Structure formats: structure tokens, C-alpha cells
Amino acid sequence: MDKLLLLDTAKVGIIIFITCFILISIISFVSLIISLILLIKVLLTYEYKRLDLDDFNEEYGAYSKDIIAMALTKEYKKIVTENQKVNNNKTKFYRRGIYSTFSLVISSLILYILSLSL
């Protein structure tokens, strides 16, 4: 009965070592997958809004320059605002991908150090 309650400290140390090794391996693998997915999302081309050139026709010539300039300014502002949202999303993906890459590097270094102990 007393033998069941006493644990061999060497076995406990090995169990803790193996558990840490497996957990850090999982963290490293997940970080790799997440960083690859996020950085690929940054490289993907997204559709940007553009000023439609079909709107430039002879009808514009009938209006005053100020009216045409104001209409084009409003349209350009709307396009820039939409494109800014796309760029902000790409920036978020990039930042998260870099953080995930740092996590991958740190966990890989820890795994390397632990593997030297084997």
C-alpha cells in the first residue's frame, strides 16, 4: 500500500519533460499553420474599387467644372475609403502572422533546447 503512494521522482521528471515537449511541439505546429495561413492572406490579391471610366462621357461636358469636380471628389473619397478598409485588413493579417511567426521561433528554440537534454 505504501509503495502505491510513493512516486519515483525520476519517472515524474520524465513524465513532466515528455508532457512539456509534446505541448511545445503542438504549440509550434499550430503557430506554423496559423502564420502560414495569415501571411498567405496578406499575399492574396483583393479586389480594390476603382473609378469607373465609363462615367467620363460627353454629358460631363455639359455641367459646370465645379459640379464635375465635386462629384468626382465625392466618388474618389468613397473609393479611397473602401480601399483603406481592404488595406487595414491586410495589415491585421500581417501583424497576426508576424506574432504567430515569433511564437513559432520561440517554441522551436525551446524544443531544440529540450532535445539537447535527451
Foldseek 3Di string as FASTA:
>chain_A
DVVVVDDDVVVVVVVVLVVVLVVLVVLLVVLVVLLVVLLVVLVDDDDADDDDPVVDDCVVVVDDPVVSVVVVVVVVVVRVVRVVVVVVSSVVSNVSSVVSVVSNVVSVVVSVVSVVVD
